[in-house]
C-alpha atoms as a PDB file:
ATOM      1  CA  MET A   1      -4.141  12.215   2.334  1.00  0.00           C
ATOM      2  CA  THR A   2      -0.539  13.059   1.516  1.00  0.00           C
ATOM      3  CA  PRO A   3       1.176  11.804  -1.639  1.00  0.00           C
ATOM      4  CA  ALA A   4       2.784   8.403  -1.428  1.00  0.00           C
ATOM      5  CA  GLY A   5       6.055   8.130   0.418  1.00  0.00           C
ATOM      6  CA  THR A   6       8.509   5.272   0.366  1.00  0.00           C
ATOM      7  CA  SER A   7      10.111   3.172   3.067  1.00  0.00           C
ATOM      8  CA  ASP A   8      12.040  -0.049   3.290  1.00  0.00           C
ATOM      9  CA  VAL A   9       9.685  -1.407   5.965  1.00  0.00           C
ATOM     10  CA  ALA A  10       6.304  -0.293   7.290  1.00  0.00           C
ATOM     11  CA  ILE A  11       5.244  -1.654  10.690  1.00  0.00           C
ATOM     12  CA  VAL A  12       1.646  -1.801  11.908  1.00  0.00           C
ATOM     13  CA  GLY A  13       1.520  -1.360  15.687  1.00  0.00           C
ATOM     14  CA  ALA A  14       3.819   0.175  18.311  1.00  0.00           C
ATOM     15  CA  GLY A  15       3.591  -2.485  20.970  1.00  0.00           C
ATOM     16  CA  VAL A  16       6.832  -3.980  22.221  1.00  0.00           C
ATOM     17  CA  SER A  17       7.108  -6.334  19.222  1.00  0.00           C
ATOM     18  CA  GLY A  18       6.669  -3.606  16.612  1.00  0.00           C
ATOM     19  CA  LEU A  19       9.015  -1.230  18.409  1.00  0.00           C
ATOM     20  CA  TYR A  20      11.686  -3.905  18.743  1.00  0.00           C
ATOM     21  CA  VAL A  21      11.470  -4.729  15.025  1.00  0.00           C
ATOM     22  CA  ALA A  22      11.723  -1.036  14.154  1.00  0.00           C
ATOM     23  CA  ARG A  23      14.775  -0.496  16.326  1.00  0.00           C
ATOM     24  CA  GLU A  24      16.627  -3.537  15.033  1.00  0.00           C
ATOM     25  CA  LEU A  25      15.920  -2.750  11.380  1.00  0.00           C
ATOM     26  CA  GLU A  26      17.035   0.850  11.811  1.00  0.00           C
ATOM     27  CA  ARG A  27      20.232  -0.447  13.398  1.00  0.00           C
ATOM     28  CA  ASN A  28      20.758  -2.404  10.188  1.00  0.00           C
ATOM     29  CA  GLY A  29      20.436   0.702   8.045  1.00  0.00           C
ATOM     30  CA  LEU A  30      16.840   0.346   6.849  1.00  0.00           C
ATOM     31  CA  ASP A  31      14.319   3.148   6.573  1.00  0.00           C
ATOM     32  CA  VAL A  32      11.321   2.285   8.774  1.00  0.00           C
ATOM     33  CA  ARG A  33       7.856   3.718   9.393  1.00  0.00           C
ATOM     34  CA  VAL A  34       5.727   2.630  12.368  1.00  0.00           C
ATOM     35  CA  PHE A  35       1.983   3.335  12.350  1.00  0.00           C
ATOM     36  CA  GLU A  36       0.187   3.171  15.705  1.00  0.00           C
ATOM     37  CA  ALA A  37      -3.574   3.613  15.994  1.00  0.00           C
ATOM     38  CA  ARG A  38      -3.433   4.815  19.593  1.00  0.00           C
ATOM     39  CA  ASP A  39      -1.930   8.033  20.880  1.00  0.00           C
ATOM     40  CA  ARG A  40       0.508   6.024  22.986  1.00  0.00           C
ATOM     41  CA  VAL A  41       3.014   3.202  22.558  1.00  0.00           C
ATOM     42  CA  GLY A  42       2.973  -0.121  24.360  1.00  0.00           C
ATOM     43  CA  GLY A  43      -0.242  -1.814  23.229  1.00  0.00           C
ATOM     44  CA  ARG A  44      -1.064  -4.319  25.970  1.00  0.00           C
ATOM     45  CA  LEU A  45       1.775  -2.944  28.050  1.00  0.00           C
ATOM     46  CA  LEU A  46      -0.254  -0.288  29.854  1.00  0.00           C
ATOM     47  CA  SER A  47       0.548   1.210  33.236  1.00  0.00           C
ATOM     48  CA  SER A  48      -1.429   3.707  35.272  1.00  0.00           C
ATOM     49  CA  ALA A  49      -0.141   5.966  38.063  1.00  0.00           C
ATOM     50  CA  PRO A  50      -3.251   7.336  39.821  1.00  0.00           C
ATOM     51  CA  ASP A  51      -2.742  10.391  41.994  1.00  0.00           C
ATOM     52  CA  GLY A  52       1.016  10.231  41.640  1.00  0.00           C
ATOM     53  CA  ALA A  53       1.225   6.694  43.048  1.00  0.00           C
ATOM     54  CA  PRO A  54       3.720   4.155  41.651  1.00  0.00           C
ATOM     55  CA  PRO A  55       2.566   2.745  38.296  1.00  0.00           C
ATOM     56  CA  LEU A  56       0.181  -0.204  38.300  1.00  0.00           C
ATOM     57  CA  ASP A  57       0.001  -2.548  35.333  1.00  0.00           C
ATOM     58  CA  LEU A  58      -3.359  -2.833  33.601  1.00  0.00           C
ATOM     59  CA  GLY A  59      -2.056  -5.246  30.973  1.00  0.00           C
ATOM     60  CA  ALA A  60       1.085  -7.373  31.042  1.00  0.00           C
ATOM     61  CA  THR A  61       2.609  -7.600  34.516  1.00  0.00           C
ATOM     62  CA  TRP A  62       5.361 -10.184  34.849  1.00  0.00           C
ATOM     63  CA  PHE A  63       8.306 -11.767  33.169  1.00  0.00           C
ATOM     64  CA  TRP A  64      10.110 -14.860  34.432  1.00  0.00           C
ATOM     65  CA  PRO A  65      13.684 -15.956  35.150  1.00  0.00           C
ATOM     66  CA  ASP A  66      13.896 -18.282  32.129  1.00  0.00           C
ATOM     67  CA  GLU A  67      12.746 -15.593  29.663  1.00  0.00           C
ATOM     68  CA  HIS A  68      16.154 -14.535  28.423  1.00  0.00           C
ATOM     69  CA  ARG A  69      14.991 -12.125  25.708  1.00  0.00           C
ATOM     70  CA  VAL A  70      13.197  -9.834  28.164  1.00  0.00           C
ATOM     71  CA  ARG A  71      15.987 -10.028  30.727  1.00  0.00           C
ATOM     72  CA  HIS A  72      18.593  -9.137  28.117  1.00  0.00           C
ATOM     73  CA  LEU A  73      16.534  -6.233  26.784  1.00  0.00           C
ATOM     74  CA  VAL A  74      15.754  -4.666  30.166  1.00  0.00           C
ATOM     75  CA  GLY A  75      19.430  -4.920  31.030  1.00  0.00           C
ATOM     76  CA  GLU A  76      20.473  -3.322  27.745  1.00  0.00           C
ATOM     77  CA  LEU A  77      17.971  -0.484  28.056  1.00  0.00           C
ATOM     78  CA  GLY A  78      18.517   0.054  31.770  1.00  0.00           C
ATOM     79  CA  VAL A  79      14.824  -0.461  32.539  1.00  0.00           C
ATOM     80  CA  ASP A  80      14.203  -0.795  36.270  1.00  0.00           C
ATOM     81  CA  TYR A  81      12.753  -4.071  37.502  1.00  0.00           C
ATOM     82  CA  PHE A  82      12.497  -6.031  40.727  1.00  0.00           C
ATOM     83  CA  SER A  83      12.038  -9.648  41.743  1.00  0.00           C
ATOM     84  CA  GLU A  84       9.036 -11.213  43.429  1.00  0.00           C
ATOM     85  CA  THR A  85       9.244 -14.365  45.547  1.00  0.00           C
ATOM     86  CA  PRO A  86       5.972 -15.998  46.655  1.00  0.00           C
ATOM     87  CA  VAL A  87       5.330 -15.542  50.376  1.00  0.00           C
ATOM     88  CA  GLY A  88       2.275 -16.676  52.327  1.00  0.00           C
ATOM     89  CA  ASP A  89      -0.781 -18.819  51.704  1.00  0.00           C
ATOM     90  CA  ALA A  90      -3.282 -18.551  48.873  1.00  0.00           C
ATOM     91  CA  MET A  91      -7.072 -18.637  49.179  1.00  0.00           C
ATOM     92  CA  TYR A  92      -9.639 -20.778  47.374  1.00  0.00           C
ATOM     93  CA  GLN A  93     -13.231 -19.584  46.848  1.00  0.00           C
ATOM     94  CA  VAL A  94     -16.211 -21.712  45.804  1.00  0.00           C
ATOM     95  CA  PRO A  95     -19.932 -20.916  46.081  1.00  0.00           C
ATOM     96  CA  ALA A  96     -20.086 -22.746  49.400  1.00  0.00           C
ATOM     97  CA  GLY A  97     -17.367 -20.624  50.994  1.00  0.00           C
ATOM     98  CA  VAL A  98     -13.682 -19.807  51.234  1.00  0.00           C
ATOM     99  CA  GLN A  99     -10.755 -21.848  52.467  1.00  0.00           C
ATOM    100  CA  ARG A 100      -7.120 -21.083  53.117  1.00  0.00           C
ATOM    101  CA  LEU A 101      -4.592 -23.217  51.284  1.00  0.00           C
ATOM    102  CA  ASP A 102      -1.342 -24.422  52.778  1.00  0.00           C
ATOM    103  CA  GLY A 103       1.127 -22.510  50.641  1.00  0.00           C
ATOM    104  CA  ASN A 104       0.692 -20.778  47.307  1.00  0.00           C
ATOM    105  CA  PRO A 105       0.332 -22.964  44.207  1.00  0.00           C
ATOM    106  CA  LEU A 106      -0.479 -19.965  41.984  1.00  0.00           C
ATOM    107  CA  ASP A 107       2.700 -17.920  42.014  1.00  0.00           C
ATOM    108  CA  THR A 108       6.311 -18.628  41.106  1.00  0.00           C
ATOM    109  CA  PRO A 109       9.410 -16.416  41.361  1.00  0.00           C
ATOM    110  CA  SER A 110       9.051 -13.650  38.801  1.00  0.00           C
ATOM    111  CA  PHE A 111      10.065 -10.120  37.880  1.00  0.00           C
ATOM    112  CA  ARG A 112       8.084  -6.870  37.666  1.00  0.00           C
ATOM    113  CA  PHE A 113       8.908  -3.514  36.101  1.00  0.00           C
ATOM    114  CA  GLY A 114       9.684  -0.812  38.636  1.00  0.00           C
ATOM    115  CA  ALA A 115       8.099   1.960  36.551  1.00  0.00           C
ATOM    116  CA  GLY A 116       5.379  -0.227  35.045  1.00  0.00           C
ATOM    117  CA  ALA A 117       5.527  -2.638  32.126  1.00  0.00           C
ATOM    118  CA  ASP A 118       5.033   0.094  29.557  1.00  0.00           C
ATOM    119  CA  SER A 119       8.385   1.586  30.601  1.00  0.00           C
ATOM    120  CA  LEU A 120       9.918  -1.110  28.375  1.00  0.00           C
ATOM    121  CA  ALA A 121       7.954   0.162  25.362  1.00  0.00           C
ATOM    122  CA  HIS A 122       8.819   3.793  26.098  1.00  0.00           C
ATOM    123  CA  ALA A 123      12.506   2.931  26.371  1.00  0.00           C
ATOM    124  CA  LEU A 124      12.403   1.207  22.966  1.00  0.00           C
ATOM    125  CA  ALA A 125      10.475   4.084  21.364  1.00  0.00           C
ATOM    126  CA  GLU A 126      13.091   6.559  22.549  1.00  0.00           C
ATOM    127  CA  GLN A 127      15.721   4.723  20.485  1.00  0.00           C
ATOM    128  CA  LEU A 128      13.894   5.201  17.187  1.00  0.00           C
ATOM    129  CA  ARG A 129      14.899   7.873  14.712  1.00  0.00           C
ATOM    130  CA  PRO A 130      12.843  11.075  14.715  1.00  0.00           C
ATOM    131  CA  GLY A 131       9.859  10.707  12.401  1.00  0.00           C
ATOM    132  CA  THR A 132       9.798   6.913  12.479  1.00  0.00           C
ATOM    133  CA  LEU A 133       6.682   6.652  14.640  1.00  0.00           C
ATOM    134  CA  SER A 134       3.272   8.009  13.625  1.00  0.00           C
ATOM    135  CA  SER A 135       0.740   7.731  16.466  1.00  0.00           C
ATOM    136  CA  GLY A 136      -3.005   8.164  16.295  1.00  0.00           C
ATOM    137  CA  GLU A 137      -2.889   6.756  12.773  1.00  0.00           C
ATOM    138  CA  PRO A 138      -4.595   3.390  12.228  1.00  0.00           C
ATOM    139  CA  VAL A 139      -3.789   1.454   9.070  1.00  0.00           C
ATOM    140  CA  SER A 140      -6.892   0.832   6.959  1.00  0.00           C
ATOM    141  CA  GLU A 141      -5.469  -1.044   3.961  1.00  0.00           C
ATOM    142  CA  ILE A 142      -2.413  -3.021   2.900  1.00  0.00           C
ATOM    143  CA  GLY A 143      -2.138  -3.655  -0.824  1.00  0.00           C
ATOM    144  CA  ARG A 144       0.183  -5.751  -2.923  1.00  0.00           C
ATOM    145  CA  THR A 145       1.764  -4.055  -5.925  1.00  0.00           C
ATOM    146  CA  GLY A 146       4.205  -5.263  -8.514  1.00  0.00           C
ATOM    147  CA  ALA A 147       7.179  -3.680  -6.755  1.00  0.00           C
ATOM    148  CA  GLY A 148       6.200  -4.241  -3.137  1.00  0.00           C
ATOM    149  CA  LEU A 149       3.387  -3.300  -0.758  1.00  0.00           C
ATOM    150  CA  THR A 150       1.342  -0.172  -0.111  1.00  0.00           C
ATOM    151  CA  VAL A 151       0.127   0.860   3.341  1.00  0.00           C
ATOM    152  CA  ARG A 152      -2.769   3.294   3.625  1.00  0.00           C
ATOM    153  CA  THR A 153      -3.976   5.360   6.567  1.00  0.00           C
ATOM    154  CA  ALA A 154      -6.369   8.311   6.612  1.00  0.00           C
ATOM    155  CA  GLU A 155      -3.367  10.627   6.315  1.00  0.00           C
ATOM    156  CA  HIS A 156      -0.639   8.771   4.452  1.00  0.00           C
ATOM    157  CA  VAL A 157       0.107   6.320   1.678  1.00  0.00           C
ATOM    158  CA  VAL A 158       3.464   4.586   2.002  1.00  0.00           C
ATOM    159  CA  ASP A 159       5.059   2.216  -0.490  1.00  0.00           C
ATOM    160  CA  ALA A 160       7.286  -0.296   1.292  1.00  0.00           C
ATOM    161  CA  ALA A 161       9.360  -3.278   0.337  1.00  0.00           C
ATOM    162  CA  HIS A 162       8.153  -5.121   3.454  1.00  0.00           C
ATOM    163  CA  VAL A 163       5.272  -4.781   5.922  1.00  0.00           C
ATOM    164  CA  VAL A 164       5.336  -6.199   9.449  1.00  0.00           C
ATOM    165  CA  ILE A 165       1.999  -6.655  11.225  1.00  0.00           C
ATOM    166  CA  ALA A 166       2.667  -6.251  14.942  1.00  0.00           C
ATOM    167  CA  VAL A 167      -0.933  -6.346  16.179  1.00  0.00           C
ATOM    168  CA  PRO A 168      -3.053  -9.399  17.079  1.00  0.00           C
ATOM    169  CA  PRO A 169      -3.882 -11.341  13.897  1.00  0.00           C
ATOM    170  CA  ALA A 170      -7.640 -11.334  14.547  1.00  0.00           C
ATOM    171  CA  LEU A 171      -7.558  -7.548  14.978  1.00  0.00           C
ATOM    172  CA  ALA A 172      -5.634  -7.139  11.720  1.00  0.00           C
ATOM    173  CA  ILE A 173      -8.143  -9.298   9.859  1.00  0.00           C
ATOM    174  CA  SER A 174     -11.106  -7.338  11.218  1.00  0.00           C
ATOM    175  CA  SER A 175      -9.722  -3.809  10.824  1.00  0.00           C
ATOM    176  CA  ILE A 176      -7.420  -3.854   7.774  1.00  0.00           C
ATOM    177  CA  ARG A 177      -8.379  -4.472   4.175  1.00  0.00           C
ATOM    178  CA  PHE A 178      -5.886  -6.728   2.392  1.00  0.00           C
ATOM    179  CA  THR A 179      -5.753  -6.279  -1.379  1.00  0.00           C
ATOM    180  CA  PRO A 180      -5.743  -8.860  -2.833  1.00  0.00           C
ATOM    181  CA  GLY A 181      -6.996 -11.183  -0.118  1.00  0.00           C
ATOM    182  CA  LEU A 182      -4.557 -13.125   2.057  1.00  0.00           C
ATOM    183  CA  PRO A 183      -3.894 -16.814   1.374  1.00  0.00           C
ATOM    184  CA  GLU A 184      -6.961 -18.774   2.485  1.00  0.00           C
ATOM    185  CA  GLN A 185      -5.334 -20.769   5.299  1.00  0.00           C
ATOM    186  CA  LEU A 186      -3.562 -17.731   6.726  1.00  0.00           C
ATOM    187  CA  ALA A 187      -6.751 -15.660   6.675  1.00  0.00           C
ATOM    188  CA  ARG A 188      -8.711 -18.442   8.362  1.00  0.00           C
ATOM    189  CA  VAL A 189      -6.148 -19.054  11.111  1.00  0.00           C
ATOM    190  CA  ALA A 190      -5.582 -15.354  11.752  1.00  0.00           C
ATOM    191  CA  ALA A 191      -9.309 -14.684  12.099  1.00  0.00           C
ATOM    192  CA  ALA A 192      -9.602 -17.532  14.634  1.00  0.00           C
ATOM    193  CA  THR A 193      -6.542 -16.748  16.764  1.00  0.00           C
ATOM    194  CA  PRO A 194      -7.493 -15.543  20.270  1.00  0.00           C
ATOM    195  CA  VAL A 195      -6.217 -12.152  21.362  1.00  0.00           C
ATOM    196  CA  TRP A 196      -4.095 -12.514  24.473  1.00  0.00           C
ATOM    197  CA  MET A 197      -5.821 -10.487  27.227  1.00  0.00           C
ATOM    198  CA  GLY A 198      -8.384  -9.412  24.631  1.00  0.00           C
ATOM    199  CA  ALA A 199     -11.427 -10.905  26.353  1.00  0.00           C
ATOM    200  CA  ILE A 200     -10.151 -10.226  29.879  1.00  0.00           C
ATOM    201  CA  THR A 201     -11.019  -7.478  32.325  1.00  0.00           C
ATOM    202  CA  LYS A 202      -8.166  -6.699  34.694  1.00  0.00           C
ATOM    203  CA  VAL A 203      -9.032  -5.054  38.002  1.00  0.00           C
ATOM    204  CA  VAL A 204      -6.468  -3.326  40.236  1.00  0.00           C
ATOM    205  CA  ILE A 205      -7.464  -2.551  43.827  1.00  0.00           C
ATOM    206  CA  ARG A 206      -5.352  -0.206  45.956  1.00  0.00           C
ATOM    207  CA  TYR A 207      -5.214  -0.159  49.760  1.00  0.00           C
ATOM    208  CA  HIS A 208      -3.602   1.817  52.569  1.00  0.00           C
ATOM    209  CA  SER A 209      -1.864  -1.278  53.910  1.00  0.00           C
ATOM    210  CA  ARG A 210      -0.886  -4.753  52.818  1.00  0.00           C
ATOM    211  CA  PHE A 211      -3.169  -6.239  55.462  1.00  0.00           C
ATOM    212  CA  TRP A 212      -3.237  -9.689  53.875  1.00  0.00           C
ATOM    213  CA  ARG A 213       0.473 -10.159  54.492  1.00  0.00           C
ATOM    214  CA  GLU A 214      -0.063  -9.399  58.186  1.00  0.00           C
ATOM    215  CA  ARG A 215      -2.244 -12.529  58.260  1.00  0.00           C
ATOM    216  CA  GLY A 216       0.325 -14.643  56.431  1.00  0.00           C
ATOM    217  CA  LEU A 217      -1.548 -14.503  53.113  1.00  0.00           C
ATOM    218  CA  ALA A 218       0.052 -14.095  49.700  1.00  0.00           C
ATOM    219  CA  GLY A 219      -2.774 -11.990  48.295  1.00  0.00           C
ATOM    220  CA  SER A 220      -3.406 -14.731  45.738  1.00  0.00           C
ATOM    221  CA  ALA A 221      -6.654 -16.603  45.233  1.00  0.00           C
ATOM    222  CA  VAL A 222      -8.542 -18.849  42.845  1.00  0.00           C
ATOM    223  CA  SER A 223     -12.291 -18.370  42.691  1.00  0.00           C
ATOM    224  CA  HIS A 224     -15.170 -20.360  41.233  1.00  0.00           C
ATOM    225  CA  ALA A 225     -17.697 -17.964  42.729  1.00  0.00           C
ATOM    226  CA  GLY A 226     -16.912 -14.288  42.211  1.00  0.00           C
ATOM    227  CA  PRO A 227     -16.368 -12.254  39.075  1.00  0.00           C
ATOM    228  CA  MET A 228     -12.575 -12.346  39.490  1.00  0.00           C
ATOM    229  CA  ARG A 229     -11.382 -15.902  38.922  1.00  0.00           C
ATOM    230  CA  GLU A 230      -7.739 -15.287  39.815  1.00  0.00           C
ATOM    231  CA  LEU A 231      -6.132 -12.807  42.202  1.00  0.00           C
ATOM    232  CA  HIS A 232      -2.558 -11.735  42.932  1.00  0.00           C
ATOM    233  CA  ASP A 233      -0.575  -9.183  44.950  1.00  0.00           C
ATOM    234  CA  MET A 234       0.461  -6.133  42.918  1.00  0.00           C
ATOM    235  CA  SER A 235       2.215  -4.172  45.647  1.00  0.00           C
ATOM    236  CA  GLY A 236       5.489  -2.536  44.793  1.00  0.00           C
ATOM    237  CA  PRO A 237       8.906  -3.602  46.100  1.00  0.00           C
ATOM    238  CA  ASP A 238       9.018  -3.975  49.884  1.00  0.00           C
ATOM    239  CA  GLY A 239       5.246  -3.609  49.965  1.00  0.00           C
ATOM    240  CA  ILE A 240       5.054   0.025  48.875  1.00  0.00           C
ATOM    241  CA  ALA A 241       1.799   1.074  47.176  1.00  0.00           C
ATOM    242  CA  PRO A 242      -0.218  -1.912  48.509  1.00  0.00           C
ATOM    243  CA  ALA A 243      -2.495  -3.374  45.854  1.00  0.00           C
ATOM    244  CA  LEU A 244      -4.202  -6.515  44.619  1.00  0.00           C
ATOM    245  CA  PHE A 245      -5.277  -7.344  41.097  1.00  0.00           C
ATOM    246  CA  GLY A 246      -7.664  -9.835  39.569  1.00  0.00           C
ATOM    247  CA  PHE A 247      -8.713 -11.225  36.206  1.00  0.00           C
ATOM    248  CA  VAL A 248     -12.357 -11.346  35.138  1.00  0.00           C
ATOM    249  CA  PRO A 249     -12.718 -13.827  32.257  1.00  0.00           C
ATOM    250  CA  GLY A 250     -14.446 -12.848  29.046  1.00  0.00           C
ATOM    251  CA  GLY A 251     -17.897 -14.018  28.096  1.00  0.00           C
ATOM    252  CA  SER A 252     -20.947 -13.132  26.104  1.00  0.00           C
ATOM    253  CA  SER A 253     -22.014 -10.405  28.529  1.00  0.00           C
ATOM    254  CA  THR A 254     -21.273  -6.847  27.467  1.00  0.00           C
ATOM    255  CA  ALA A 255     -21.364  -5.559  31.053  1.00  0.00           C
ATOM    256  CA  THR A 256     -18.152  -4.648  32.800  1.00  0.00           C
ATOM    257  CA  VAL A 257     -17.673  -5.805  36.386  1.00  0.00           C
ATOM    258  CA  THR A 258     -18.604  -3.126  38.939  1.00  0.00           C
ATOM    259  CA  VAL A 259     -16.589  -1.780  41.861  1.00  0.00           C
ATOM    260  CA  GLU A 260     -19.291  -3.049  44.219  1.00  0.00           C
ATOM    261  CA  GLU A 261     -18.967  -6.594  42.879  1.00  0.00           C
ATOM    262  CA  VAL A 262     -15.197  -6.459  43.180  1.00  0.00           C
ATOM    263  CA  VAL A 263     -15.208  -5.239  46.776  1.00  0.00           C
ATOM    264  CA  GLU A 264     -17.873  -7.750  47.796  1.00  0.00           C
ATOM    265  CA  GLN A 265     -15.743 -10.603  46.508  1.00  0.00           C
ATOM    266  CA  LEU A 266     -12.581  -9.307  48.182  1.00  0.00           C
ATOM    267  CA  VAL A 267     -14.356  -9.035  51.535  1.00  0.00           C
ATOM    268  CA  ALA A 268     -15.576 -12.615  51.162  1.00  0.00           C
ATOM    269  CA  ILE A 269     -12.026 -13.820  50.476  1.00  0.00           C
ATOM    270  CA  PHE A 270      -9.819 -11.586  52.625  1.00  0.00           C
ATOM    271  CA  GLY A 271     -12.178 -10.289  55.302  1.00  0.00           C
ATOM    272  CA  PRO A 272     -13.626  -6.924  56.345  1.00  0.00           C
ATOM    273  CA  GLU A 273     -10.337  -5.019  55.906  1.00  0.00           C
ATOM    274  CA  ALA A 274     -10.826  -5.416  52.165  1.00  0.00           C
ATOM    275  CA  ALA A 275     -13.994  -3.292  52.298  1.00  0.00           C
ATOM    276  CA  ALA A 276     -12.186   0.066  52.130  1.00  0.00           C
ATOM    277  CA  PRO A 277      -9.909   0.282  49.083  1.00  0.00           C
ATOM    278  CA  THR A 278      -8.335   3.627  48.299  1.00  0.00           C
ATOM    279  CA  GLY A 279      -9.080   3.120  44.624  1.00  0.00           C
ATOM    280  CA  VAL A 280     -10.258   0.583  42.048  1.00  0.00           C
ATOM    281  CA  THR A 281      -9.223   0.639  38.382  1.00  0.00           C
ATOM    282  CA  ILE A 282     -11.119  -1.535  35.911  1.00  0.00           C
ATOM    283  CA  GLN A 283      -9.506  -2.198  32.539  1.00  0.00           C
ATOM    284  CA  ASP A 284     -11.869  -4.077  30.212  1.00  0.00           C
ATOM    285  CA  TRP A 285      -9.728  -5.067  27.245  1.00  0.00           C
ATOM    286  CA  ARG A 286     -12.816  -6.058  25.277  1.00  0.00           C
ATOM    287  CA  THR A 287     -13.585  -2.354  24.888  1.00  0.00           C
ATOM    288  CA  GLU A 288     -10.165  -1.505  23.426  1.00  0.00           C
ATOM    289  CA  PRO A 289     -10.817  -1.254  19.665  1.00  0.00           C
ATOM    290  CA  TRP A 290      -7.096  -1.310  18.823  1.00  0.00           C
ATOM    291  CA  THR A 291      -6.559  -4.524  20.792  1.00  0.00           C
ATOM    292  CA  SER A 292      -9.732  -6.561  20.419  1.00  0.00           C
ATOM    293  CA  PRO A 293     -12.028  -7.218  17.445  1.00  0.00           C
ATOM    294  CA  PRO A 294     -15.770  -7.135  18.161  1.00  0.00           C
ATOM    295  CA  ASP A 295     -16.044 -10.926  18.474  1.00  0.00           C
ATOM    296  CA  VAL A 296     -13.003 -11.328  20.735  1.00  0.00           C
ATOM    297  CA  ALA A 297     -14.818 -13.291  23.463  1.00  0.00           C
ATOM    298  CA  ARG A 298     -15.693 -16.033  20.980  1.00  0.00           C
ATOM    299  CA  LEU A 299     -12.085 -16.671  19.995  1.00  0.00           C
ATOM    300  CA  ASP A 300     -10.947 -19.627  22.084  1.00  0.00           C
ATOM    301  CA  ASP A 301      -8.801 -21.919  19.937  1.00  0.00           C
ATOM    302  CA  TYR A 302      -5.402 -21.405  21.561  1.00  0.00           C
ATOM    303  CA  ARG A 303      -3.941 -24.149  19.378  1.00  0.00           C
ATOM    304  CA  THR A 304      -3.546 -21.400  16.774  1.00  0.00           C
ATOM    305  CA  TYR A 305      -0.853 -19.693  18.869  1.00  0.00           C
ATOM    306  CA  GLY A 306       2.485 -20.004  17.132  1.00  0.00           C
ATOM    307  CA  HIS A 307       0.798 -21.608  14.114  1.00  0.00           C
ATOM    308  CA  GLU A 308       3.060 -22.492  11.212  1.00  0.00           C
ATOM    309  CA  VAL A 309       1.280 -20.019   8.915  1.00  0.00           C
ATOM    310  CA  TYR A 310       2.877 -17.165  10.871  1.00  0.00           C
ATOM    311  CA  ALA A 311       6.416 -18.537  10.572  1.00  0.00           C
ATOM    312  CA  GLU A 312       7.135 -17.453   7.012  1.00  0.00           C
ATOM    313  CA  PRO A 313       6.116 -14.236   5.239  1.00  0.00           C
ATOM    314  CA  VAL A 314       3.597 -14.291   2.378  1.00  0.00           C
ATOM    315  CA  TRP A 315       3.114 -12.124  -0.704  1.00  0.00           C
ATOM    316  CA  ASP A 316       6.552 -12.964  -2.149  1.00  0.00           C
ATOM    317  CA  GLY A 317       8.110 -12.863   1.317  1.00  0.00           C
ATOM    318  CA  ARG A 318       7.053  -9.256   1.971  1.00  0.00           C
ATOM    319  CA  LEU A 319       4.228  -9.515   4.550  1.00  0.00           C
ATOM    320  CA  HIS A 320       5.305 -10.592   8.052  1.00  0.00           C
ATOM    321  CA  TRP A 321       3.539 -11.287  11.388  1.00  0.00           C
ATOM    322  CA  CYS A 322       5.069 -10.638  14.786  1.00  0.00           C
ATOM    323  CA  SER A 323       2.552 -10.196  17.613  1.00  0.00           C
ATOM    324  CA  THR A 324       2.947 -12.396  20.699  1.00  0.00           C
ATOM    325  CA  GLU A 325       0.163 -14.696  19.467  1.00  0.00           C
ATOM    326  CA  THR A 326       2.300 -15.685  16.477  1.00  0.00           C
ATOM    327  CA  ALA A 327       5.300 -16.787  18.553  1.00  0.00           C
ATOM    328  CA  HIS A 328       6.335 -20.397  18.923  1.00  0.00           C
ATOM    329  CA  ASP A 329       8.136 -19.574  22.197  1.00  0.00           C
ATOM    330  CA  ALA A 330       6.164 -18.096  25.125  1.00  0.00           C
ATOM    331  CA  PRO A 331       3.090 -16.954  23.148  1.00  0.00           C
ATOM    332  CA  GLY A 332       1.045 -14.461  25.134  1.00  0.00           C
ATOM    333  CA  HIS A 333       4.058 -13.216  27.098  1.00  0.00           C
ATOM    334  CA  ILE A 334       6.342 -10.245  26.516  1.00  0.00           C
ATOM    335  CA  GLU A 335       8.954 -12.891  25.788  1.00  0.00           C
ATOM    336  CA  GLY A 336       6.733 -14.204  22.997  1.00  0.00           C
ATOM    337  CA  ALA A 337       6.367 -10.736  21.511  1.00  0.00           C
ATOM    338  CA  LEU A 338      10.148 -10.426  21.391  1.00  0.00           C
ATOM    339  CA  ALA A 339      10.567 -13.939  19.967  1.00  0.00           C
ATOM    340  CA  ALA A 340       8.148 -13.138  17.144  1.00  0.00           C
ATOM    341  CA  ALA A 341       9.899  -9.808  16.588  1.00  0.00           C
ATOM    342  CA  GLU A 342      13.280 -11.533  16.284  1.00  0.00           C
ATOM    343  CA  ARG A 343      11.817 -13.851  13.654  1.00  0.00           C
ATOM    344  CA  ALA A 344      10.424 -10.926  11.656  1.00  0.00           C
ATOM    345  CA  VAL A 345      13.722  -9.061  11.788  1.00  0.00           C
ATOM    346  CA  ASP A 346      15.577 -12.143  10.583  1.00  0.00           C
ATOM    347  CA  ARG A 347      13.195 -12.701   7.678  1.00  0.00           C
ATOM    348  CA  VAL A 348      13.257  -9.058   6.535  1.00  0.00           C
ATOM    349  CA  LEU A 349      17.047  -8.905   6.609  1.00  0.00           C
ATOM    350  CA  ARG A 350      17.377 -12.180   4.727  1.00  0.00           C
ATOM    351  CA  LEU A 351      14.853 -11.238   2.071  1.00  0.00           C
ATOM    352  CA  ARG A 352      15.597  -7.531   1.509  1.00  0.00           C
END
């Protein structure tokens, strides 16, 4: 462990909220350190490009026309995105069978990232000063001292005037030691706050053609029978890189859905053409230790999202929260992550 360094602000997590806070504080002249446990930025913004294909989102996928923070940021950064307008009918699956709906009640006009959702995080990270971001370095302890706060990792000790926690509250509670303990209500609420996407398995299925559209289908479905309870089209603009994706809800089971189960369900819903995908990617967020605490599937009280305990910093105004779960506006969305980040930036600048 290196000797203690100093910084105006230490940030835990390099998802879009933490990166946005870091950029804005550096723009205001502060010295910032960002500690990220993974070897990549983006957190739940994760995109995969198998075999050179266009990126497919394994975490966050959409943003919407009324989400002005995301739209402003992608415009400022020049991040490529495209619009999606629902076309075709959705499907409805129950144990007794499958029926075609008249229209598509699942989807609304939305936007997707042309190079994958994590392109937004990479664009933000590129605007940070050299040396700001330390990856592969999980924070193990945050301590309160007379002059400020101390952040400890396996490699560094940093004394900071402020600390911003930009990871899910329940993950912070389970993986970071707070010395002394956090205020009782904050600790209780944080430990109970569900992790957005944390208990979900997202499955992306690639095909040679967008055969569902040829039958007038949207590629969307609701199911009360198969492992995937919700399905959507994930093809690129103008139908390039045809793909579907589905959400498998969390539960007590530790088993991850299998490719065979996925394909069987898709055949039941969309017919025999669904039997020959060119690839299936299964992203079980329960197994991501830097997203989900061990008990993530048992966290189900969504009333804690945007709870008042996250609105104001504690420990003499020095410890802040800014993951999407803490946002009052659009919690669980990229927009929520940015809303929480704006709040943290405002508080740090007012209290420095």
